[in-house]
C-alpha atoms as a PDB file:
ATOM      1  CA  MET A   1      -1.528   8.070  13.906  1.00  0.00           C
ATOM      2  CA  GLY A   2       2.041   6.760  13.911  1.00  0.00           C
ATOM      3  CA  LEU A   3       3.244  10.000  15.481  1.00  0.00           C
ATOM      4  CA  LEU A   4       0.628   9.722  18.225  1.00  0.00           C
ATOM      5  CA  MET A   5       1.659   6.170  19.092  1.00  0.00           C
ATOM      6  CA  LEU A   6       5.403   6.852  18.940  1.00  0.00           C
ATOM      7  CA  PRO A   7       5.848   7.944  22.599  1.00  0.00           C
ATOM      8  CA  LEU A   8       3.793   4.969  23.780  1.00  0.00           C
ATOM      9  CA  SER A   9       6.027   2.427  22.102  1.00  0.00           C
ATOM     10  CA  ILE A  10       9.403   3.745  23.287  1.00  0.00           C
ATOM     11  CA  ASN A  11      10.693   2.153  26.472  1.00  0.00           C
ATOM     12  CA  GLU A  12      14.013   1.398  28.110  1.00  0.00           C
ATOM     13  CA  ASN A  13      14.057  -2.223  26.889  1.00  0.00           C
ATOM     14  CA  GLY A  14      14.627  -1.492  23.201  1.00  0.00           C
ATOM     15  CA  GLY A  15      11.090  -0.608  22.173  1.00  0.00           C
ATOM     16  CA  GLN A  16      12.518   2.269  20.176  1.00  0.00           C
ATOM     17  CA  LEU A  17      13.252  -0.033  17.225  1.00  0.00           C
ATOM     18  CA  LEU A  18       9.608  -1.122  17.141  1.00  0.00           C
ATOM     19  CA  ALA A  19       8.527   2.513  17.161  1.00  0.00           C
ATOM     20  CA  VAL A  20      10.912   3.408  14.325  1.00  0.00           C
ATOM     21  CA  VAL A  21       9.772   0.411  12.273  1.00  0.00           C
ATOM     22  CA  PHE A  22       6.127   1.344  12.821  1.00  0.00           C
ATOM     23  CA  LEU A  23       6.682   5.011  11.945  1.00  0.00           C
ATOM     24  CA  LEU A  24       8.679   4.239   8.792  1.00  0.00           C
ATOM     25  CA  SER A  25       6.112   1.605   7.784  1.00  0.00           C
ATOM     26  CA  VAL A  26       3.270   4.087   8.038  1.00  0.00           C
ATOM     27  CA  CYS A  27       5.184   6.762   6.112  1.00  0.00           C
ATOM     28  CA  SER A  28       6.281   4.471   3.284  1.00  0.00           C
ATOM     29  CA  SER A  29       2.860   2.836   3.063  1.00  0.00           C
ATOM     30  CA  TYR A  30       1.115   6.174   2.609  1.00  0.00           C
ATOM     31  CA  ALA A  31       3.753   7.338   0.133  1.00  0.00           C
ATOM     32  CA  ILE A  32       3.382   4.201  -1.988  1.00  0.00           C
ATOM     33  CA  SER A  33      -0.411   4.503  -1.800  1.00  0.00           C
ATOM     34  CA  LEU A  34      -0.327   8.097  -3.023  1.00  0.00           C
ATOM     35  CA  VAL A  35       2.310   7.663  -5.708  1.00  0.00           C
ATOM     36  CA  ILE A  36       1.191   4.324  -7.148  1.00  0.00           C
ATOM     37  CA  GLY A  37      -2.166   3.382  -5.625  1.00  0.00           C
ATOM     38  CA  LEU A  38      -4.136   6.493  -6.542  1.00  0.00           C
ATOM     39  CA  PRO A  39      -2.994   6.528 -10.196  1.00  0.00           C
ATOM     40  CA  TYR A  40      -3.849   2.815 -10.384  1.00  0.00           C
ATOM     41  CA  PHE A  41      -7.326   3.554  -9.009  1.00  0.00           C
ATOM     42  CA  ALA A  42      -7.737   6.481 -11.437  1.00  0.00           C
ATOM     43  CA  LEU A  43      -6.738   4.239 -14.355  1.00  0.00           C
ATOM     44  CA  LEU A  44      -9.269   1.621 -13.329  1.00  0.00           C
ATOM     45  CA  GLN A  45     -11.923   4.334 -13.020  1.00  0.00           C
ATOM     46  CA  LEU A  46     -11.048   5.677 -16.475  1.00  0.00           C
ATOM     47  CA  LEU A  47     -11.284   2.221 -18.027  1.00  0.00           C
ATOM     48  CA  ARG A  48     -14.490   1.487 -16.079  1.00  0.00           C
ATOM     49  CA  LEU A  49     -12.830  -1.500 -14.463  1.00  0.00           C
ATOM     50  CA  SER A  50     -12.823  -0.408 -10.836  1.00  0.00           C
ATOM     51  CA  SER A  51     -13.839  -3.290  -8.610  1.00  0.00           C
ATOM     52  CA  ILE A  52     -12.925  -4.938  -5.345  1.00  0.00           C
ATOM     53  CA  VAL A  53     -11.281  -7.845  -7.165  1.00  0.00           C
ATOM     54  CA  LEU A  54      -9.011  -5.725  -9.388  1.00  0.00           C
ATOM     55  CA  MET A  55      -8.114  -3.296  -6.601  1.00  0.00           C
ATOM     56  CA  THR A  56      -7.190  -6.183  -4.286  1.00  0.00           C
ATOM     57  CA  LEU A  57      -5.101  -7.854  -6.998  1.00  0.00           C
ATOM     58  CA  GLY A  58      -3.343  -4.547  -7.641  1.00  0.00           C
ATOM     59  CA  GLY A  59      -2.681  -4.171  -3.930  1.00  0.00           C
ATOM     60  CA  MET A  60      -1.238  -7.669  -3.804  1.00  0.00           C
ATOM     61  CA  ILE A  61       1.102  -6.802  -6.671  1.00  0.00           C
ATOM     62  CA  LEU A  62       2.132  -3.416  -5.256  1.00  0.00           C
ATOM     63  CA  GLY A  63       2.320  -4.576  -1.610  1.00  0.00           C
ATOM     64  CA  PRO A  64       5.790  -6.123  -1.896  1.00  0.00           C
ATOM     65  CA  LEU A  65       7.012  -2.820  -3.350  1.00  0.00           C
ATOM     66  CA  ALA A  66       5.842  -1.037  -0.201  1.00  0.00           C
ATOM     67  CA  TRP A  67       7.446  -3.759   1.931  1.00  0.00           C
ATOM     68  CA  PHE A  68      10.714  -3.345   0.007  1.00  0.00           C
ATOM     69  CA  GLY A  69      10.568   0.451   0.452  1.00  0.00           C
ATOM     70  CA  THR A  70       9.957   0.123   4.163  1.00  0.00           C
ATOM     71  CA  SER A  71      12.822  -2.354   4.566  1.00  0.00           C
ATOM     72  CA  LEU A  72      15.140  -0.061   2.644  1.00  0.00           C
ATOM     73  CA  LEU A  73      14.171   2.959   4.767  1.00  0.00           C
ATOM     74  CA  ILE A  74      14.719   1.038   7.995  1.00  0.00           C
ATOM     75  CA  ALA A  75      18.083  -0.311   6.837  1.00  0.00           C
ATOM     76  CA  HIS A  76      19.258   3.111   5.687  1.00  0.00           C
ATOM     77  CA  PHE A  77      18.041   5.376   8.492  1.00  0.00           C
ATOM     78  CA  TYR A  78      18.234   3.079  11.498  1.00  0.00           C
ATOM     79  CA  PHE A  79      21.119   0.743  10.716  1.00  0.00           C
ATOM     80  CA  GLY A  80      23.110   3.087   8.464  1.00  0.00           C
ATOM     81  CA  HIS A  81      23.370   0.878   5.381  1.00  0.00           C
ATOM     82  CA  SER A  82      21.270   0.226   2.313  1.00  0.00           C
ATOM     83  CA  GLU A  83      21.819  -3.502   1.956  1.00  0.00           C
ATOM     84  CA  ILE A  84      18.752  -5.658   2.444  1.00  0.00           C
ATOM     85  CA  SER A  85      17.858  -9.210   1.562  1.00  0.00           C
ATOM     86  CA  LEU A  86      14.280 -10.135   0.888  1.00  0.00           C
ATOM     87  CA  ASP A  87      13.071 -13.707   1.147  1.00  0.00           C
ATOM     88  CA  ALA A  88       9.977 -15.168  -0.478  1.00  0.00           C
ATOM     89  CA  ILE A  89       8.057 -14.955   2.800  1.00  0.00           C
ATOM     90  CA  GLU A  90       8.589 -11.194   2.869  1.00  0.00           C
ATOM     91  CA  PHE A  91       7.116 -10.881  -0.630  1.00  0.00           C
ATOM     92  CA  VAL A  92       4.129 -12.951   0.491  1.00  0.00           C
ATOM     93  CA  PHE A  93       3.724 -10.825   3.615  1.00  0.00           C
ATOM     94  CA  GLY A  94       3.914  -7.643   1.498  1.00  0.00           C
ATOM     95  CA  ALA A  95       1.279  -9.045  -0.860  1.00  0.00           C
ATOM     96  CA  ILE A  96      -1.026  -9.889   2.049  1.00  0.00           C
ATOM     97  CA  CYS A  97      -0.600  -6.421   3.566  1.00  0.00           C
ATOM     98  CA  GLY A  98      -1.107  -4.643   0.226  1.00  0.00           C
ATOM     99  CA  GLY A  99      -4.113  -6.769  -0.646  1.00  0.00           C
ATOM    100  CA  SER A 100      -5.770  -6.210   2.714  1.00  0.00           C
ATOM    101  CA  VAL A 101      -5.299  -2.430   2.506  1.00  0.00           C
ATOM    102  CA  ALA A 102      -6.693  -2.381  -1.049  1.00  0.00           C
ATOM    103  CA  LEU A 103      -9.609  -4.592  -0.009  1.00  0.00           C
ATOM    104  CA  LEU A 104     -10.569  -2.270   2.844  1.00  0.00           C
ATOM    105  CA  PHE A 105     -10.211   0.795   0.598  1.00  0.00           C
ATOM    106  CA  SER A 106     -12.434  -0.837  -2.025  1.00  0.00           C
ATOM    107  CA  ILE A 107     -15.126  -1.704   0.488  1.00  0.00           C
ATOM    108  CA  ILE A 108     -15.098   1.792   1.987  1.00  0.00           C
ATOM    109  CA  ALA A 109     -15.196   3.330  -1.514  1.00  0.00           C
ATOM    110  CA  GLY A 110     -18.259   1.205  -2.299  1.00  0.00           C
ATOM    111  CA  LEU A 111     -16.783  -0.469  -5.360  1.00  0.00           C
ATOM    112  CA  PRO A 112     -18.590  -3.426  -6.925  1.00  0.00           C
ATOM    113  CA  VAL A 113     -17.114  -6.880  -6.393  1.00  0.00           C
ATOM    114  CA  VAL A 114     -16.441  -7.403 -10.110  1.00  0.00           C
ATOM    115  CA  PRO A 115     -16.163  -4.772 -12.871  1.00  0.00           C
ATOM    116  CA  LYS A 116     -19.393  -3.609 -14.454  1.00  0.00           C
ATOM    117  CA  TRP A 117     -18.751  -4.080 -18.149  1.00  0.00           C
ATOM    118  CA  SER A 118     -20.190  -1.390 -20.351  1.00  0.00           C
ATOM    119  CA  SER A 119     -20.016  -0.874 -24.081  1.00  0.00           C
ATOM    120  CA  GLN A 120     -20.569   2.876 -23.734  1.00  0.00           C
ATOM    121  CA  PRO A 121     -17.475   5.078 -23.797  1.00  0.00           C
ATOM    122  CA  ARG A 122     -16.671   6.956 -20.614  1.00  0.00           C
ATOM    123  CA  LEU A 123     -16.254  10.355 -22.286  1.00  0.00           C
ATOM    124  CA  GLU A 124     -18.868  11.431 -24.786  1.00  0.00           C
ATOM    125  CA  GLN A 125     -17.858  13.803 -27.540  1.00  0.00           C
ATOM    126  CA  SER A 126     -20.141  16.700 -28.220  1.00  0.00           C
ATOM    127  CA  PRO A 127     -20.855  17.745 -31.834  1.00  0.00           C
END
């Protein structure tokens, strides 16, 4: 989707920076989701703890990591240096973004609101 919107956001008044930020944000967000988010979801599934609450909390913890990765990519590829400074508000914004993405994923996946506790093991051993 970022590639489709890229030509629309480039104009002669400096809109290219907005397009680059958007494109790098989408790429780093998907990369973080695949590398960290899916294993986190698989671990919760394995432990029978998958729920909207735990997925959203995980997203809020991992969101600042995605924000940091995006900031680093923008600083390196667009400005030519790898020095960034992150303030507390940027960590909060990353947590809000990560939590909202995880919340939407959880709702679409049909997860329960809280974990369904079960005393039965997930994998049964056959004799």
